[in-house]
């Protein structure tokens, strides 16, 4: 079975959130 793929926008948003959290930390 193939894993469910996240839409690219959601992945980009998650990466941006991680970058923001890292910058704040």
PDBML (XML) file of the C-alpha atoms, coordinates in Angstrom:
<?xml version="1.0" encoding="UTF-8" ?>
<PDBx:datablock datablockName="MODEL"
   xmlns:PDBx="http://pdbml.pdb.org/schema/pdbx-v50.xsd"
   xmlns:xsi="http://www.w3.org/2001/XMLSchema-instance"
   xsi:schemaLocation="http://pdbml.pdb.org/schema/pdbx-v50.xsd pdbx-v50.xsd">
   <PDBx:atom_siteCategory>
      <PDBx:atom_site id="1">
         <PDBx:B_iso_or_equiv>0.00</PDBx:B_iso_or_equiv>
         <PDBx:Cartn_x>0.000</PDBx:Cartn_x>
         <PDBx:Cartn_y>0.000</PDBx:Cartn_y>
         <PDBx:Cartn_z>0.000</PDBx:Cartn_z>
         <PDBx:auth_asym_id>A</PDBx:auth_asym_id>
         <PDBx:auth_atom_id>CA</PDBx:auth_atom_id>
         <PDBx:auth_comp_id>UNK</PDBx:auth_comp_id>
         <PDBx:auth_seq_id>1</PDBx:auth_seq_id>
         <PDBx:group_PDB>ATOM</PDBx:group_PDB>
         <PDBx:label_alt_id xsi:nil="true" />
         <PDBx:label_asym_id>A</PDBx:label_asym_id>
         <PDBx:label_atom_id>CA</PDBx:label_atom_id>
         <PDBx:label_comp_id>UNK</PDBx:label_comp_id>
         <PDBx:label_entity_id>1</PDBx:label_entity_id>
         <PDBx:label_seq_id>1</PDBx:label_seq_id>
         <PDBx:occupancy>1.00</PDBx:occupancy>
         <PDBx:pdbx_PDB_model_num>1</PDBx:pdbx_PDB_model_num>
         <PDBx:type_symbol>C</PDBx:type_symbol>
      </PDBx:atom_site>
      <PDBx:atom_site id="2">
         <PDBx:B_iso_or_equiv>0.00</PDBx:B_iso_or_equiv>
         <PDBx:Cartn_x>1.176</PDBx:Cartn_x>
         <PDBx:Cartn_y>3.507</PDBx:Cartn_y>
         <PDBx:Cartn_z>-0.820</PDBx:Cartn_z>
         <PDBx:auth_asym_id>A</PDBx:auth_asym_id>
         <PDBx:auth_atom_id>CA</PDBx:auth_atom_id>
         <PDBx:auth_comp_id>UNK</PDBx:auth_comp_id>
         <PDBx:auth_seq_id>2</PDBx:auth_seq_id>
         <PDBx:group_PDB>ATOM</PDBx:group_PDB>
         <PDBx:label_alt_id xsi:nil="true" />
         <PDBx:label_asym_id>A</PDBx:label_asym_id>
         <PDBx:label_atom_id>CA</PDBx:label_atom_id>
         <PDBx:label_comp_id>UNK</PDBx:label_comp_id>
         <PDBx:label_entity_id>1</PDBx:label_entity_id>
         <PDBx:label_seq_id>2</PDBx:label_seq_id>
         <PDBx:occupancy>1.00</PDBx:occupancy>
         <PDBx:pdbx_PDB_model_num>1</PDBx:pdbx_PDB_model_num>
         <PDBx:type_symbol>C</PDBx:type_symbol>
      </PDBx:atom_site>
      <PDBx:atom_site id="3">
         <PDBx:B_iso_or_equiv>0.00</PDBx:B_iso_or_equiv>
         <PDBx:Cartn_x>1.363</PDBx:Cartn_x>
         <PDBx:Cartn_y>5.998</PDBx:Cartn_y>
         <PDBx:Cartn_z>2.034</PDBx:Cartn_z>
         <PDBx:auth_asym_id>A</PDBx:auth_asym_id>
         <PDBx:auth_atom_id>CA</PDBx:auth_atom_id>
         <PDBx:auth_comp_id>UNK</PDBx:auth_comp_id>
         <PDBx:auth_seq_id>3</PDBx:auth_seq_id>
         <PDBx:group_PDB>ATOM</PDBx:group_PDB>
         <PDBx:label_alt_id xsi:nil="true" />
         <PDBx:label_asym_id>A</PDBx:label_asym_id>
         <PDBx:label_atom_id>CA</PDBx:label_atom_id>
         <PDBx:label_comp_id>UNK</PDBx:label_comp_id>
         <PDBx:label_entity_id>1</PDBx:label_entity_id>
         <PDBx:label_seq_id>3</PDBx:label_seq_id>
         <PDBx:occupancy>1.00</PDBx:occupancy>
         <PDBx:pdbx_PDB_model_num>1</PDBx:pdbx_PDB_model_num>
         <PDBx:type_symbol>C</PDBx:type_symbol>
      </PDBx:atom_site>
      <PDBx:atom_site id="4">
         <PDBx:B_iso_or_equiv>0.00</PDBx:B_iso_or_equiv>
         <PDBx:Cartn_x>-1.043</PDBx:Cartn_x>
         <PDBx:Cartn_y>8.890</PDBx:Cartn_y>
         <PDBx:Cartn_z>1.866</PDBx:Cartn_z>
         <PDBx:auth_asym_id>A</PDBx:auth_asym_id>
         <PDBx:auth_atom_id>CA</PDBx:auth_atom_id>
         <PDBx:auth_comp_id>UNK</PDBx:auth_comp_id>
         <PDBx:auth_seq_id>4</PDBx:auth_seq_id>
         <PDBx:group_PDB>ATOM</PDBx:group_PDB>
         <PDBx:label_alt_id xsi:nil="true" />
         <PDBx:label_asym_id>A</PDBx:label_asym_id>
         <PDBx:label_atom_id>CA</PDBx:label_atom_id>
         <PDBx:label_comp_id>UNK</PDBx:label_comp_id>
         <PDBx:label_entity_id>1</PDBx:label_entity_id>
         <PDBx:label_seq_id>4</PDBx:label_seq_id>
         <PDBx:occupancy>1.00</PDBx:occupancy>
         <PDBx:pdbx_PDB_model_num>1</PDBx:pdbx_PDB_model_num>
         <PDBx:type_symbol>C</PDBx:type_symbol>
      </PDBx:atom_site>
      <PDBx:atom_site id="5">
         <PDBx:B_iso_or_equiv>0.00</PDBx:B_iso_or_equiv>
         <PDBx:Cartn_x>0.644</PDBx:Cartn_x>
         <PDBx:Cartn_y>11.916</PDBx:Cartn_y>
         <PDBx:Cartn_z>0.350</PDBx:Cartn_z>
         <PDBx:auth_asym_id>A</PDBx:auth_asym_id>
         <PDBx:auth_atom_id>CA</PDBx:auth_atom_id>
         <PDBx:auth_comp_id>UNK</PDBx:auth_comp_id>
         <PDBx:auth_seq_id>5</PDBx:auth_seq_id>
         <PDBx:group_PDB>ATOM</PDBx:group_PDB>
         <PDBx:label_alt_id xsi:nil="true" />
         <PDBx:label_asym_id>A</PDBx:label_asym_id>
         <PDBx:label_atom_id>CA</PDBx:label_atom_id>
         <PDBx:label_comp_id>UNK</PDBx:label_comp_id>
         <PDBx:label_entity_id>1</PDBx:label_entity_id>
         <PDBx:label_seq_id>5</PDBx:label_seq_id>
         <PDBx:occupancy>1.00</PDBx:occupancy>
         <PDBx:pdbx_PDB_model_num>1</PDBx:pdbx_PDB_model_num>
         <PDBx:type_symbol>C</PDBx:type_symbol>
      </PDBx:atom_site>
      <PDBx:atom_site id="6">
         <PDBx:B_iso_or_equiv>0.00</PDBx:B_iso_or_equiv>
         <PDBx:Cartn_x>0.336</PDBx:Cartn_x>
         <PDBx:Cartn_y>15.315</PDBx:Cartn_y>
         <PDBx:Cartn_z>1.944</PDBx:Cartn_z>
         <PDBx:auth_asym_id>A</PDBx:auth_asym_id>
         <PDBx:auth_atom_id>CA</PDBx:auth_atom_id>
         <PDBx:auth_comp_id>UNK</PDBx:auth_comp_id>
         <PDBx:auth_seq_id>6</PDBx:auth_seq_id>
         <PDBx:group_PDB>ATOM</PDBx:group_PDB>
         <PDBx:label_alt_id xsi:nil="true" />
         <PDBx:label_asym_id>A</PDBx:label_asym_id>
         <PDBx:label_atom_id>CA</PDBx:label_atom_id>
         <PDBx:label_comp_id>UNK</PDBx:label_comp_id>
         <PDBx:label_entity_id>1</PDBx:label_entity_id>
         <PDBx:label_seq_id>6</PDBx:label_seq_id>
         <PDBx:occupancy>1.00</PDBx:occupancy>
         <PDBx:pdbx_PDB_model_num>1</PDBx:pdbx_PDB_model_num>
         <PDBx:type_symbol>C</PDBx:type_symbol>
      </PDBx:atom_site>
      <PDBx:atom_site id="7">
         <PDBx:B_iso_or_equiv>0.00</PDBx:B_iso_or_equiv>
         <PDBx:Cartn_x>-0.475</PDBx:Cartn_x>
         <PDBx:Cartn_y>18.129</PDBx:Cartn_y>
         <PDBx:Cartn_z>-0.381</PDBx:Cartn_z>
         <PDBx:auth_asym_id>A</PDBx:auth_asym_id>
         <PDBx:auth_atom_id>CA</PDBx:auth_atom_id>
         <PDBx:auth_comp_id>UNK</PDBx:auth_comp_id>
         <PDBx:auth_seq_id>7</PDBx:auth_seq_id>
         <PDBx:group_PDB>ATOM</PDBx:group_PDB>
         <PDBx:label_alt_id xsi:nil="true" />
         <PDBx:label_asym_id>A</PDBx:label_asym_id>
         <PDBx:label_atom_id>CA</PDBx:label_atom_id>
         <PDBx:label_comp_id>UNK</PDBx:label_comp_id>
         <PDBx:label_entity_id>1</PDBx:label_entity_id>
         <PDBx:label_seq_id>7</PDBx:label_seq_id>
         <PDBx:occupancy>1.00</PDBx:occupancy>
         <PDBx:pdbx_PDB_model_num>1</PDBx:pdbx_PDB_model_num>
         <PDBx:type_symbol>C</PDBx:type_symbol>
      </PDBx:atom_site>
      <PDBx:atom_site id="8">
         <PDBx:B_iso_or_equiv>0.00</PDBx:B_iso_or_equiv>
         <PDBx:Cartn_x>2.637</PDBx:Cartn_x>
         <PDBx:Cartn_y>20.232</PDBx:Cartn_y>
         <PDBx:Cartn_z>-1.104</PDBx:Cartn_z>
         <PDBx:auth_asym_id>A</PDBx:auth_asym_id>
         <PDBx:auth_atom_id>CA</PDBx:auth_atom_id>
         <PDBx:auth_comp_id>UNK</PDBx:auth_comp_id>
         <PDBx:auth_seq_id>8</PDBx:auth_seq_id>
         <PDBx:group_PDB>ATOM</PDBx:group_PDB>
         <PDBx:label_alt_id xsi:nil="true" />
         <PDBx:label_asym_id>A</PDBx:label_asym_id>
         <PDBx:label_atom_id>CA</PDBx:label_atom_id>
         <PDBx:label_comp_id>UNK</PDBx:label_comp_id>
         <PDBx:label_entity_id>1</PDBx:label_entity_id>
         <PDBx:label_seq_id>8</PDBx:label_seq_id>
         <PDBx:occupancy>1.00</PDBx:occupancy>
         <PDBx:pdbx_PDB_model_num>1</PDBx:pdbx_PDB_model_num>
         <PDBx:type_symbol>C</PDBx:type_symbol>
      </PDBx:atom_site>
      <PDBx:atom_site id="9">
         <PDBx:B_iso_or_equiv>0.00</PDBx:B_iso_or_equiv>
         <PDBx:Cartn_x>1.113</PDBx:Cartn_x>
         <PDBx:Cartn_y>23.353</PDBx:Cartn_y>
         <PDBx:Cartn_z>0.481</PDBx:Cartn_z>
         <PDBx:auth_asym_id>A</PDBx:auth_asym_id>
         <PDBx:auth_atom_id>CA</PDBx:auth_atom_id>
         <PDBx:auth_comp_id>UNK</PDBx:auth_comp_id>
         <PDBx:auth_seq_id>9</PDBx:auth_seq_id>
         <PDBx:group_PDB>ATOM</PDBx:group_PDB>
         <PDBx:label_alt_id xsi:nil="true" />
         <PDBx:label_asym_id>A</PDBx:label_asym_id>
         <PDBx:label_atom_id>CA</PDBx:label_atom_id>
         <PDBx:label_comp_id>UNK</PDBx:label_comp_id>
         <PDBx:label_entity_id>1</PDBx:label_entity_id>
         <PDBx:label_seq_id>9</PDBx:label_seq_id>
         <PDBx:occupancy>1.00</PDBx:occupancy>
         <PDBx:pdbx_PDB_model_num>1</PDBx:pdbx_PDB_model_num>
         <PDBx:type_symbol>C</PDBx:type_symbol>
      </PDBx:atom_site>
      <PDBx:atom_site id="10">
         <PDBx:B_iso_or_equiv>0.00</PDBx:B_iso_or_equiv>
         <PDBx:Cartn_x>0.652</PDBx:Cartn_x>
         <PDBx:Cartn_y>21.568</PDBx:Cartn_y>
         <PDBx:Cartn_z>3.787</PDBx:Cartn_z>
         <PDBx:auth_asym_id>A</PDBx:auth_asym_id>
         <PDBx:auth_atom_id>CA</PDBx:auth_atom_id>
         <PDBx:auth_comp_id>UNK</PDBx:auth_comp_id>
         <PDBx:auth_seq_id>10</PDBx:auth_seq_id>
         <PDBx:group_PDB>ATOM</PDBx:group_PDB>
         <PDBx:label_alt_id xsi:nil="true" />
         <PDBx:label_asym_id>A</PDBx:label_asym_id>
         <PDBx:label_atom_id>CA</PDBx:label_atom_id>
         <PDBx:label_comp_id>UNK</PDBx:label_comp_id>
         <PDBx:label_entity_id>1</PDBx:label_entity_id>
         <PDBx:label_seq_id>10</PDBx:label_seq_id>
         <PDBx:occupancy>1.00</PDBx:occupancy>
         <PDBx:pdbx_PDB_model_num>1</PDBx:pdbx_PDB_model_num>
         <PDBx:type_symbol>C</PDBx:type_symbol>
      </PDBx:atom_site>
      <PDBx:atom_site id="11">
         <PDBx:B_iso_or_equiv>0.00</PDBx:B_iso_or_equiv>
         <PDBx:Cartn_x>4.262</PDBx:Cartn_x>
         <PDBx:Cartn_y>20.324</PDBx:Cartn_y>
         <PDBx:Cartn_z>3.726</PDBx:Cartn_z>
         <PDBx:auth_asym_id>A</PDBx:auth_asym_id>
         <PDBx:auth_atom_id>CA</PDBx:auth_atom_id>
         <PDBx:auth_comp_id>UNK</PDBx:auth_comp_id>
         <PDBx:auth_seq_id>11</PDBx:auth_seq_id>
         <PDBx:group_PDB>ATOM</PDBx:group_PDB>
         <PDBx:label_alt_id xsi:nil="true" />
         <PDBx:label_asym_id>A</PDBx:label_asym_id>
         <PDBx:label_atom_id>CA</PDBx:label_atom_id>
         <PDBx:label_comp_id>UNK</PDBx:label_comp_id>
         <PDBx:label_entity_id>1</PDBx:label_entity_id>
         <PDBx:label_seq_id>11</PDBx:label_seq_id>
         <PDBx:occupancy>1.00</PDBx:occupancy>
         <PDBx:pdbx_PDB_model_num>1</PDBx:pdbx_PDB_model_num>
         <PDBx:type_symbol>C</PDBx:type_symbol>
      </PDBx:atom_site>
      <PDBx:atom_site id="12">
         <PDBx:B_iso_or_equiv>0.00</PDBx:B_iso_or_equiv>
         <PDBx:Cartn_x>5.540</PDBx:Cartn_x>
         <PDBx:Cartn_y>23.819</PDBx:Cartn_y>
         <PDBx:Cartn_z>2.936</PDBx:Cartn_z>
         <PDBx:auth_asym_id>A</PDBx:auth_asym_id>
         <PDBx:auth_atom_id>CA</PDBx:auth_atom_id>
         <PDBx:auth_comp_id>UNK</PDBx:auth_comp_id>
         <PDBx:auth_seq_id>12</PDBx:auth_seq_id>
         <PDBx:group_PDB>ATOM</PDBx:group_PDB>
         <PDBx:label_alt_id xsi:nil="true" />
         <PDBx:label_asym_id>A</PDBx:label_asym_id>
         <PDBx:label_atom_id>CA</PDBx:label_atom_id>
         <PDBx:label_comp_id>UNK</PDBx:label_comp_id>
         <PDBx:label_entity_id>1</PDBx:label_entity_id>
         <PDBx:label_seq_id>12</PDBx:label_seq_id>
         <PDBx:occupancy>1.00</PDBx:occupancy>
         <PDBx:pdbx_PDB_model_num>1</PDBx:pdbx_PDB_model_num>
         <PDBx:type_symbol>C</PDBx:type_symbol>
      </PDBx:atom_site>
      <PDBx:atom_site id="13">
         <PDBx:B_iso_or_equiv>0.00</PDBx:B_iso_or_equiv>
         <PDBx:Cartn_x>3.428</PDBx:Cartn_x>
         <PDBx:Cartn_y>25.293</PDBx:Cartn_y>
         <PDBx:Cartn_z>5.749</PDBx:Cartn_z>
         <PDBx:auth_asym_id>A</PDBx:auth_asym_id>
         <PDBx:auth_atom_id>CA</PDBx:auth_atom_id>
         <PDBx:auth_comp_id>UNK</PDBx:auth_comp_id>
         <PDBx:auth_seq_id>13</PDBx:auth_seq_id>
         <PDBx:group_PDB>ATOM</PDBx:group_PDB>
         <PDBx:label_alt_id xsi:nil="true" />
         <PDBx:label_asym_id>A</PDBx:label_asym_id>
         <PDBx:label_atom_id>CA</PDBx:label_atom_id>
         <PDBx:label_comp_id>UNK</PDBx:label_comp_id>
         <PDBx:label_entity_id>1</PDBx:label_entity_id>
         <PDBx:label_seq_id>13</PDBx:label_seq_id>
         <PDBx:occupancy>1.00</PDBx:occupancy>
         <PDBx:pdbx_PDB_model_num>1</PDBx:pdbx_PDB_model_num>
         <PDBx:type_symbol>C</PDBx:type_symbol>
      </PDBx:atom_site>
      <PDBx:atom_site id="14">
         <PDBx:B_iso_or_equiv>0.00</PDBx:B_iso_or_equiv>
         <PDBx:Cartn_x>4.750</PDBx:Cartn_x>
         <PDBx:Cartn_y>22.706</PDBx:Cartn_y>
         <PDBx:Cartn_z>8.184</PDBx:Cartn_z>
         <PDBx:auth_asym_id>A</PDBx:auth_asym_id>
         <PDBx:auth_atom_id>CA</PDBx:auth_atom_id>
         <PDBx:auth_comp_id>UNK</PDBx:auth_comp_id>
         <PDBx:auth_seq_id>14</PDBx:auth_seq_id>
         <PDBx:group_PDB>ATOM</PDBx:group_PDB>
         <PDBx:label_alt_id xsi:nil="true" />
         <PDBx:label_asym_id>A</PDBx:label_asym_id>
         <PDBx:label_atom_id>CA</PDBx:label_atom_id>
         <PDBx:label_comp_id>UNK</PDBx:label_comp_id>
         <PDBx:label_entity_id>1</PDBx:label_entity_id>
         <PDBx:label_seq_id>14</PDBx:label_seq_id>
         <PDBx:occupancy>1.00</PDBx:occupancy>
         <PDBx:pdbx_PDB_model_num>1</PDBx:pdbx_PDB_model_num>
         <PDBx:type_symbol>C</PDBx:type_symbol>
      </PDBx:atom_site>
      <PDBx:atom_site id="15">
         <PDBx:B_iso_or_equiv>0.00</PDBx:B_iso_or_equiv>
         <PDBx:Cartn_x>8.336</PDBx:Cartn_x>
         <PDBx:Cartn_y>23.480</PDBx:Cartn_y>
         <PDBx:Cartn_z>7.161</PDBx:Cartn_z>
         <PDBx:auth_asym_id>A</PDBx:auth_asym_id>
         <PDBx:auth_atom_id>CA</PDBx:auth_atom_id>
         <PDBx:auth_comp_id>UNK</PDBx:auth_comp_id>
         <PDBx:auth_seq_id>15</PDBx:auth_seq_id>
         <PDBx:group_PDB>ATOM</PDBx:group_PDB>
         <PDBx:label_alt_id xsi:nil="true" />
         <PDBx:label_asym_id>A</PDBx:label_asym_id>
         <PDBx:label_atom_id>CA</PDBx:label_atom_id>
         <PDBx:label_comp_id>UNK</PDBx:label_comp_id>
         <PDBx:label_entity_id>1</PDBx:label_entity_id>
         <PDBx:label_seq_id>15</PDBx:label_seq_id>
         <PDBx:occupancy>1.00</PDBx:occupancy>
         <PDBx:pdbx_PDB_model_num>1</PDBx:pdbx_PDB_model_num>
         <PDBx:type_symbol>C</PDBx:type_symbol>
      </PDBx:atom_site>
      <PDBx:atom_site id="16">
         <PDBx:B_iso_or_equiv>0.00</PDBx:B_iso_or_equiv>
         <PDBx:Cartn_x>7.698</PDBx:Cartn_x>
         <PDBx:Cartn_y>27.217</PDBx:Cartn_y>
         <PDBx:Cartn_z>7.557</PDBx:Cartn_z>
         <PDBx:auth_asym_id>A</PDBx:auth_asym_id>
         <PDBx:auth_atom_id>CA</PDBx:auth_atom_id>
         <PDBx:auth_comp_id>UNK</PDBx:auth_comp_id>
         <PDBx:auth_seq_id>16</PDBx:auth_seq_id>
         <PDBx:group_PDB>ATOM</PDBx:group_PDB>
         <PDBx:label_alt_id xsi:nil="true" />
         <PDBx:label_asym_id>A</PDBx:label_asym_id>
         <PDBx:label_atom_id>CA</PDBx:label_atom_id>
         <PDBx:label_comp_id>UNK</PDBx:label_comp_id>
         <PDBx:label_entity_id>1</PDBx:label_entity_id>
         <PDBx:label_seq_id>16</PDBx:label_seq_id>
         <PDBx:occupancy>1.00</PDBx:occupancy>
         <PDBx:pdbx_PDB_model_num>1</PDBx:pdbx_PDB_model_num>
         <PDBx:type_symbol>C</PDBx:type_symbol>
      </PDBx:atom_site>
      <PDBx:atom_site id="17">
         <PDBx:B_iso_or_equiv>0.00</PDBx:B_iso_or_equiv>
         <PDBx:Cartn_x>6.206</PDBx:Cartn_x>
         <PDBx:Cartn_y>26.647</PDBx:Cartn_y>
         <PDBx:Cartn_z>11.011</PDBx:Cartn_z>
         <PDBx:auth_asym_id>A</PDBx:auth_asym_id>
         <PDBx:auth_atom_id>CA</PDBx:auth_atom_id>
         <PDBx:auth_comp_id>UNK</PDBx:auth_comp_id>
         <PDBx:auth_seq_id>17</PDBx:auth_seq_id>
         <PDBx:group_PDB>ATOM</PDBx:group_PDB>
         <PDBx:label_alt_id xsi:nil="true" />
         <PDBx:label_asym_id>A</PDBx:label_asym_id>
         <PDBx:label_atom_id>CA</PDBx:label_atom_id>
         <PDBx:label_comp_id>UNK</PDBx:label_comp_id>
         <PDBx:label_entity_id>1</PDBx:label_entity_id>
         <PDBx:label_seq_id>17</PDBx:label_seq_id>
         <PDBx:occupancy>1.00</PDBx:occupancy>
         <PDBx:pdbx_PDB_model_num>1</PDBx:pdbx_PDB_model_num>
         <PDBx:type_symbol>C</PDBx:type_symbol>
      </PDBx:atom_site>
      <PDBx:atom_site id="18">
         <PDBx:B_iso_or_equiv>0.00</PDBx:B_iso_or_equiv>
         <PDBx:Cartn_x>9.253</PDBx:Cartn_x>
         <PDBx:Cartn_y>24.590</PDBx:Cartn_y>
         <PDBx:Cartn_z>12.002</PDBx:Cartn_z>
         <PDBx:auth_asym_id>A</PDBx:auth_asym_id>
         <PDBx:auth_atom_id>CA</PDBx:auth_atom_id>
         <PDBx:auth_comp_id>UNK</PDBx:auth_comp_id>
         <PDBx:auth_seq_id>18</PDBx:auth_seq_id>
         <PDBx:group_PDB>ATOM</PDBx:group_PDB>
         <PDBx:label_alt_id xsi:nil="true" />
         <PDBx:label_asym_id>A</PDBx:label_asym_id>
         <PDBx:label_atom_id>CA</PDBx:label_atom_id>
         <PDBx:label_comp_id>UNK</PDBx:label_comp_id>
         <PDBx:label_entity_id>1</PDBx:label_entity_id>
         <PDBx:label_seq_id>18</PDBx:label_seq_id>
         <PDBx:occupancy>1.00</PDBx:occupancy>
         <PDBx:pdbx_PDB_model_num>1</PDBx:pdbx_PDB_model_num>
         <PDBx:type_symbol>C</PDBx:type_symbol>
      </PDBx:atom_site>
      <PDBx:atom_site id="19">
         <PDBx:B_iso_or_equiv>0.00</PDBx:B_iso_or_equiv>
         <PDBx:Cartn_x>11.606</PDBx:Cartn_x>
         <PDBx:Cartn_y>27.302</PDBx:Cartn_y>
         <PDBx:Cartn_z>10.749</PDBx:Cartn_z>
         <PDBx:auth_asym_id>A</PDBx:auth_asym_id>
         <PDBx:auth_atom_id>CA</PDBx:auth_atom_id>
         <PDBx:auth_comp_id>UNK</PDBx:auth_comp_id>
         <PDBx:auth_seq_id>19</PDBx:auth_seq_id>
         <PDBx:group_PDB>ATOM</PDBx:group_PDB>
         <PDBx:label_alt_id xsi:nil="true" />
         <PDBx:label_asym_id>A</PDBx:label_asym_id>
         <PDBx:label_atom_id>CA</PDBx:label_atom_id>
         <PDBx:label_comp_id>UNK</PDBx:label_comp_id>
         <PDBx:label_entity_id>1</PDBx:label_entity_id>
         <PDBx:label_seq_id>19</PDBx:label_seq_id>
         <PDBx:occupancy>1.00</PDBx:occupancy>
         <PDBx:pdbx_PDB_model_num>1</PDBx:pdbx_PDB_model_num>
         <PDBx:type_symbol>C</PDBx:type_symbol>
      </PDBx:atom_site>
      <PDBx:atom_site id="20">
         <PDBx:B_iso_or_equiv>0.00</PDBx:B_iso_or_equiv>
         <PDBx:Cartn_x>9.655</PDBx:Cartn_x>
         <PDBx:Cartn_y>29.967</PDBx:Cartn_y>
         <PDBx:Cartn_z>12.659</PDBx:Cartn_z>
         <PDBx:auth_asym_id>A</PDBx:auth_asym_id>
         <PDBx:auth_atom_id>CA</PDBx:auth_atom_id>
         <PDBx:auth_comp_id>UNK</PDBx:auth_comp_id>
         <PDBx:auth_seq_id>20</PDBx:auth_seq_id>
         <PDBx:group_PDB>ATOM</PDBx:group_PDB>
         <PDBx:label_alt_id xsi:nil="true" />
         <PDBx:label_asym_id>A</PDBx:label_asym_id>
         <PDBx:label_atom_id>CA</PDBx:label_atom_id>
         <PDBx:label_comp_id>UNK</PDBx:label_comp_id>
         <PDBx:label_entity_id>1</PDBx:label_entity_id>
         <PDBx:label_seq_id>20</PDBx:label_seq_id>
         <PDBx:occupancy>1.00</PDBx:occupancy>
         <PDBx:pdbx_PDB_model_num>1</PDBx:pdbx_PDB_model_num>
         <PDBx:type_symbol>C</PDBx:type_symbol>
      </PDBx:atom_site>
      <PDBx:atom_site id="21">
         <PDBx:B_iso_or_equiv>0.00</PDBx:B_iso_or_equiv>
         <PDBx:Cartn_x>9.711</PDBx:Cartn_x>
         <PDBx:Cartn_y>27.899</PDBx:Cartn_y>
         <PDBx:Cartn_z>15.855</PDBx:Cartn_z>
         <PDBx:auth_asym_id>A</PDBx:auth_asym_id>
         <PDBx:auth_atom_id>CA</PDBx:auth_atom_id>
         <PDBx:auth_comp_id>UNK</PDBx:auth_comp_id>
         <PDBx:auth_seq_id>21</PDBx:auth_seq_id>
         <PDBx:group_PDB>ATOM</PDBx:group_PDB>
         <PDBx:label_alt_id xsi:nil="true" />
         <PDBx:label_asym_id>A</PDBx:label_asym_id>
         <PDBx:label_atom_id>CA</PDBx:label_atom_id>
         <PDBx:label_comp_id>UNK</PDBx:label_comp_id>
         <PDBx:label_entity_id>1</PDBx:label_entity_id>
         <PDBx:label_seq_id>21</PDBx:label_seq_id>
         <PDBx:occupancy>1.00</PDBx:occupancy>
         <PDBx:pdbx_PDB_model_num>1</PDBx:pdbx_PDB_model_num>
         <PDBx:type_symbol>C</PDBx:type_symbol>
      </PDBx:atom_site>
      <PDBx:atom_site id="22">
         <PDBx:B_iso_or_equiv>0.00</PDBx:B_iso_or_equiv>
         <PDBx:Cartn_x>13.445</PDBx:Cartn_x>
         <PDBx:Cartn_y>27.278</PDBx:Cartn_y>
         <PDBx:Cartn_z>15.472</PDBx:Cartn_z>
         <PDBx:auth_asym_id>A</PDBx:auth_asym_id>
         <PDBx:auth_atom_id>CA</PDBx:auth_atom_id>
         <PDBx:auth_comp_id>UNK</PDBx:auth_comp_id>
         <PDBx:auth_seq_id>22</PDBx:auth_seq_id>
         <PDBx:group_PDB>ATOM</PDBx:group_PDB>
         <PDBx:label_alt_id xsi:nil="true" />
         <PDBx:label_asym_id>A</PDBx:label_asym_id>
         <PDBx:label_atom_id>CA</PDBx:label_atom_id>
         <PDBx:label_comp_id>UNK</PDBx:label_comp_id>
         <PDBx:label_entity_id>1</PDBx:label_entity_id>
         <PDBx:label_seq_id>22</PDBx:label_seq_id>
         <PDBx:occupancy>1.00</PDBx:occupancy>
         <PDBx:pdbx_PDB_model_num>1</PDBx:pdbx_PDB_model_num>
         <PDBx:type_symbol>C</PDBx:type_symbol>
      </PDBx:atom_site>
      <PDBx:atom_site id="23">
         <PDBx:B_iso_or_equiv>0.00</PDBx:B_iso_or_equiv>
         <PDBx:Cartn_x>14.100</PDBx:Cartn_x>
         <PDBx:Cartn_y>30.991</PDBx:Cartn_y>
         <PDBx:Cartn_z>14.928</PDBx:Cartn_z>
         <PDBx:auth_asym_id>A</PDBx:auth_asym_id>
         <PDBx:auth_atom_id>CA</PDBx:auth_atom_id>
         <PDBx:auth_comp_id>UNK</PDBx:auth_comp_id>
         <PDBx:auth_seq_id>23</PDBx:auth_seq_id>
         <PDBx:group_PDB>ATOM</PDBx:group_PDB>
         <PDBx:label_alt_id xsi:nil="true" />
         <PDBx:label_asym_id>A</PDBx:label_asym_id>
         <PDBx:label_atom_id>CA</PDBx:label_atom_id>
         <PDBx:label_comp_id>UNK</PDBx:label_comp_id>
         <PDBx:label_entity_id>1</PDBx:label_entity_id>
         <PDBx:label_seq_id>23</PDBx:label_seq_id>
         <PDBx:occupancy>1.00</PDBx:occupancy>
         <PDBx:pdbx_PDB_model_num>1</PDBx:pdbx_PDB_model_num>
         <PDBx:type_symbol>C</PDBx:type_symbol>
      </PDBx:atom_site>
      <PDBx:atom_site id="24">
         <PDBx:B_iso_or_equiv>0.00</PDBx:B_iso_or_equiv>
         <PDBx:Cartn_x>12.047</PDBx:Cartn_x>
         <PDBx:Cartn_y>31.913</PDBx:Cartn_y>
         <PDBx:Cartn_z>17.995</PDBx:Cartn_z>
         <PDBx:auth_asym_id>A</PDBx:auth_asym_id>
         <PDBx:auth_atom_id>CA</PDBx:auth_atom_id>
         <PDBx:auth_comp_id>UNK</PDBx:auth_comp_id>
         <PDBx:auth_seq_id>24</PDBx:auth_seq_id>
         <PDBx:group_PDB>ATOM</PDBx:group_PDB>
         <PDBx:label_alt_id xsi:nil="true" />
         <PDBx:label_asym_id>A</PDBx:label_asym_id>
         <PDBx:label_atom_id>CA</PDBx:label_atom_id>
         <PDBx:label_comp_id>UNK</PDBx:label_comp_id>
         <PDBx:label_entity_id>1</PDBx:label_entity_id>
         <PDBx:label_seq_id>24</PDBx:label_seq_id>
         <PDBx:occupancy>1.00</PDBx:occupancy>
         <PDBx:pdbx_PDB_model_num>1</PDBx:pdbx_PDB_model_num>
         <PDBx:type_symbol>C</PDBx:type_symbol>
      </PDBx:atom_site>
      <PDBx:atom_site id="25">
         <PDBx:B_iso_or_equiv>0.00</PDBx:B_iso_or_equiv>
         <PDBx:Cartn_x>13.900</PDBx:Cartn_x>
         <PDBx:Cartn_y>29.323</PDBx:Cartn_y>
         <PDBx:Cartn_z>20.077</PDBx:Cartn_z>
         <PDBx:auth_asym_id>A</PDBx:auth_asym_id>
         <PDBx:auth_atom_id>CA</PDBx:auth_atom_id>
         <PDBx:auth_comp_id>UNK</PDBx:auth_comp_id>
         <PDBx:auth_seq_id>25</PDBx:auth_seq_id>
         <PDBx:group_PDB>ATOM</PDBx:group_PDB>
         <PDBx:label_alt_id xsi:nil="true" />
         <PDBx:label_asym_id>A</PDBx:label_asym_id>
         <PDBx:label_atom_id>CA</PDBx:label_atom_id>
         <PDBx:label_comp_id>UNK</PDBx:label_comp_id>
         <PDBx:label_entity_id>1</PDBx:label_entity_id>
         <PDBx:label_seq_id>25</PDBx:label_seq_id>
         <PDBx:occupancy>1.00</PDBx:occupancy>
         <PDBx:pdbx_PDB_model_num>1</PDBx:pdbx_PDB_model_num>
         <PDBx:type_symbol>C</PDBx:type_symbol>
      </PDBx:atom_site>
   </PDBx:atom_siteCategory>
</PDBx:datablock>
